[in-house]
Amino acid sequence: MKKLMLFTPLIAVAMMTSVPMSSLAEKTAETNTAASNVKVDQNSLGYRNGVEAYQLDKLAGRQIGAKTSHLYKNPPVKSGPERDDYRAQFEAGYNATMNQGS
């Protein structure tokens, strides 16, 4: 009987400590998913901005070129790999629209 009385609180403690561990793992997974969504959004933003920049450059009679665009020179993302990814997608969108002749 003494073993049962000692064992029961240990089971309760073990059950209570496992709950925060699983919720911590879920929060980490949610954070990783959110970070990957942000990267996808920045890439699609760069592509869309490139498409729009080409159309505006053409309508305004400005020099045609992705690297001369204001949004290419001053991207709306932080510096580092995000900026490089944005610029690559911007250039891809700009050039794709230019090649379509839009």
C-alpha atoms as a PDB file:
ATOM      1  CA  MET A   1       0.000   0.000   0.000  1.00  0.00           C
ATOM      2  CA  LYS A   2       2.891   2.366   0.770  1.00  0.00           C
ATOM      3  CA  LYS A   3       4.272   1.797  -2.722  1.00  0.00           C
ATOM      4  CA  LEU A   4       0.929   2.710  -4.260  1.00  0.00           C
ATOM      5  CA  MET A   5       0.698   5.927  -2.230  1.00  0.00           C
ATOM      6  CA  LEU A   6       4.214   6.927  -3.271  1.00  0.00           C
ATOM      7  CA  PHE A   7       3.721   5.922  -6.899  1.00  0.00           C
ATOM      8  CA  THR A   8       0.428   7.809  -7.459  1.00  0.00           C
ATOM      9  CA  PRO A   9       1.863  11.332  -6.926  1.00  0.00           C
ATOM     10  CA  LEU A  10       4.789  10.472  -9.187  1.00  0.00           C
ATOM     11  CA  ILE A  11       2.403   9.553 -11.983  1.00  0.00           C
ATOM     12  CA  ALA A  12       0.560  12.842 -11.514  1.00  0.00           C
ATOM     13  CA  VAL A  13       3.819  14.806 -11.648  1.00  0.00           C
ATOM     14  CA  ALA A  14       4.925  12.948 -14.763  1.00  0.00           C
ATOM     15  CA  MET A  15       1.621  13.663 -16.462  1.00  0.00           C
ATOM     16  CA  MET A  16       1.750  17.354 -15.579  1.00  0.00           C
ATOM     17  CA  THR A  17       5.304  17.860 -16.825  1.00  0.00           C
ATOM     18  CA  SER A  18       4.649  16.212 -20.184  1.00  0.00           C
ATOM     19  CA  VAL A  19       1.972  18.747 -21.136  1.00  0.00           C
ATOM     20  CA  PRO A  20       4.273  21.793 -21.357  1.00  0.00           C
ATOM     21  CA  MET A  21       6.793  19.828 -23.404  1.00  0.00           C
ATOM     22  CA  SER A  22       4.240  18.948 -26.051  1.00  0.00           C
ATOM     23  CA  SER A  23       2.867  22.483 -26.185  1.00  0.00           C
ATOM     24  CA  LEU A  24       6.415  23.818 -26.547  1.00  0.00           C
ATOM     25  CA  ALA A  25       6.956  21.530 -29.529  1.00  0.00           C
ATOM     26  CA  GLU A  26       3.704  22.733 -31.094  1.00  0.00           C
ATOM     27  CA  LYS A  27       4.691  26.383 -30.643  1.00  0.00           C
ATOM     28  CA  THR A  28       8.079  25.730 -32.261  1.00  0.00           C
ATOM     29  CA  ALA A  29       6.391  24.066 -35.229  1.00  0.00           C
ATOM     30  CA  GLU A  30       3.993  27.015 -35.581  1.00  0.00           C
ATOM     31  CA  THR A  31       6.911  29.465 -35.505  1.00  0.00           C
ATOM     32  CA  ASN A  32       8.772  27.537 -38.211  1.00  0.00           C
ATOM     33  CA  THR A  33       5.659  27.490 -40.392  1.00  0.00           C
ATOM     34  CA  ALA A  34       5.136  31.220 -39.906  1.00  0.00           C
ATOM     35  CA  ALA A  35       8.762  31.938 -40.835  1.00  0.00           C
ATOM     36  CA  SER A  36       8.484  29.937 -44.052  1.00  0.00           C
ATOM     37  CA  ASN A  37       5.230  31.746 -44.928  1.00  0.00           C
ATOM     38  CA  VAL A  38       6.974  35.095 -44.509  1.00  0.00           C
ATOM     39  CA  LYS A  39       9.718  34.021 -46.904  1.00  0.00           C
ATOM     40  CA  VAL A  40       7.166  32.907 -49.490  1.00  0.00           C
ATOM     41  CA  ASP A  41       5.323  36.212 -49.112  1.00  0.00           C
ATOM     42  CA  GLN A  42       8.536  38.193 -49.605  1.00  0.00           C
ATOM     43  CA  ASN A  43       9.401  36.205 -52.710  1.00  0.00           C
ATOM     44  CA  SER A  44       5.962  36.662 -54.239  1.00  0.00           C
ATOM     45  CA  LEU A  45       6.057  40.340 -53.252  1.00  0.00           C
ATOM     46  CA  GLY A  46       9.326  40.739 -55.136  1.00  0.00           C
ATOM     47  CA  TYR A  47       7.917  39.071 -58.242  1.00  0.00           C
ATOM     48  CA  ARG A  48       4.698  41.123 -58.171  1.00  0.00           C
ATOM     49  CA  ASN A  49       6.647  44.334 -57.615  1.00  0.00           C
ATOM     50  CA  GLY A  50       8.864  43.468 -60.571  1.00  0.00           C
ATOM     51  CA  VAL A  51       5.847  42.973 -62.825  1.00  0.00           C
ATOM     52  CA  GLU A  52       4.298  46.257 -61.715  1.00  0.00           C
ATOM     53  CA  ALA A  53       7.596  48.142 -61.971  1.00  0.00           C
ATOM     54  CA  TYR A  54       8.047  47.083 -65.597  1.00  0.00           C
ATOM     55  CA  GLN A  55       4.515  48.141 -66.479  1.00  0.00           C
ATOM     56  CA  LEU A  56       4.975  51.517 -64.787  1.00  0.00           C
ATOM     57  CA  ASP A  57       8.393  52.071 -66.389  1.00  0.00           C
ATOM     58  CA  LYS A  58       6.941  51.337 -69.812  1.00  0.00           C
ATOM     59  CA  LEU A  59       3.926  53.616 -69.311  1.00  0.00           C
ATOM     60  CA  ALA A  60       6.054  56.462 -67.960  1.00  0.00           C
ATOM     61  CA  GLY A  61       8.613  56.137 -70.747  1.00  0.00           C
ATOM     62  CA  ARG A  62      11.432  55.497 -68.287  1.00  0.00           C
ATOM     63  CA  GLN A  63      14.543  53.488 -68.979  1.00  0.00           C
ATOM     64  CA  ILE A  64      13.679  49.785 -69.086  1.00  0.00           C
ATOM     65  CA  GLY A  65      15.750  47.668 -66.720  1.00  0.00           C
ATOM     66  CA  ALA A  66      15.095  45.845 -63.480  1.00  0.00           C
ATOM     67  CA  LYS A  67      18.267  47.090 -61.817  1.00  0.00           C
ATOM     68  CA  THR A  68      17.420  50.733 -62.492  1.00  0.00           C
ATOM     69  CA  SER A  69      14.084  50.477 -60.707  1.00  0.00           C
ATOM     70  CA  HIS A  70      13.580  52.244 -57.391  1.00  0.00           C
ATOM     71  CA  LEU A  71      12.217  49.098 -55.714  1.00  0.00           C
ATOM     72  CA  TYR A  72      15.225  47.085 -56.854  1.00  0.00           C
ATOM     73  CA  LYS A  73      17.647  49.639 -55.453  1.00  0.00           C
ATOM     74  CA  ASN A  74      15.632  50.189 -52.250  1.00  0.00           C
ATOM     75  CA  PRO A  75      13.742  46.960 -51.521  1.00  0.00           C
ATOM     76  CA  PRO A  76      11.098  46.985 -48.776  1.00  0.00           C
ATOM     77  CA  VAL A  77      12.757  44.080 -46.922  1.00  0.00           C
ATOM     78  CA  LYS A  78      15.595  43.798 -44.427  1.00  0.00           C
ATOM     79  CA  SER A  79      19.160  43.499 -45.634  1.00  0.00           C
ATOM     80  CA  GLY A  80      20.836  40.132 -45.946  1.00  0.00           C
ATOM     81  CA  PRO A  81      19.540  36.986 -47.636  1.00  0.00           C
ATOM     82  CA  GLU A  82      15.965  38.301 -47.624  1.00  0.00           C
ATOM     83  CA  ARG A  83      17.030  41.302 -49.681  1.00  0.00           C
ATOM     84  CA  ASP A  84      18.898  39.097 -52.146  1.00  0.00           C
ATOM     85  CA  ASP A  85      15.874  36.792 -52.507  1.00  0.00           C
ATOM     86  CA  TYR A  86      13.566  39.773 -53.007  1.00  0.00           C
ATOM     87  CA  ARG A  87      15.832  41.249 -55.684  1.00  0.00           C
ATOM     88  CA  ALA A  88      16.126  37.922 -57.506  1.00  0.00           C
ATOM     89  CA  GLN A  89      12.347  37.535 -57.585  1.00  0.00           C
ATOM     90  CA  PHE A  90      11.889  41.196 -58.535  1.00  0.00           C
ATOM     91  CA  GLU A  91      14.232  40.762 -61.471  1.00  0.00           C
ATOM     92  CA  ALA A  92      12.484  37.533 -62.507  1.00  0.00           C
ATOM     93  CA  GLY A  93       9.079  39.231 -62.497  1.00  0.00           C
ATOM     94  CA  TYR A  94      10.384  42.293 -64.313  1.00  0.00           C
ATOM     95  CA  ASN A  95      12.118  40.256 -67.016  1.00  0.00           C
ATOM     96  CA  ALA A  96       9.201  37.833 -67.443  1.00  0.00           C
ATOM     97  CA  THR A  97       6.824  40.723 -68.044  1.00  0.00           C
ATOM     98  CA  MET A  98       9.285  42.402 -70.393  1.00  0.00           C
ATOM     99  CA  ASN A  99       9.679  39.176 -72.404  1.00  0.00           C
ATOM    100  CA  GLN A 100       5.901  38.826 -72.686  1.00  0.00           C
ATOM    101  CA  GLY A 101       5.747  42.270 -74.211  1.00  0.00           C
ATOM    102  CA  SER A 102       3.127  43.547 -71.750  1.00  0.00           C
END
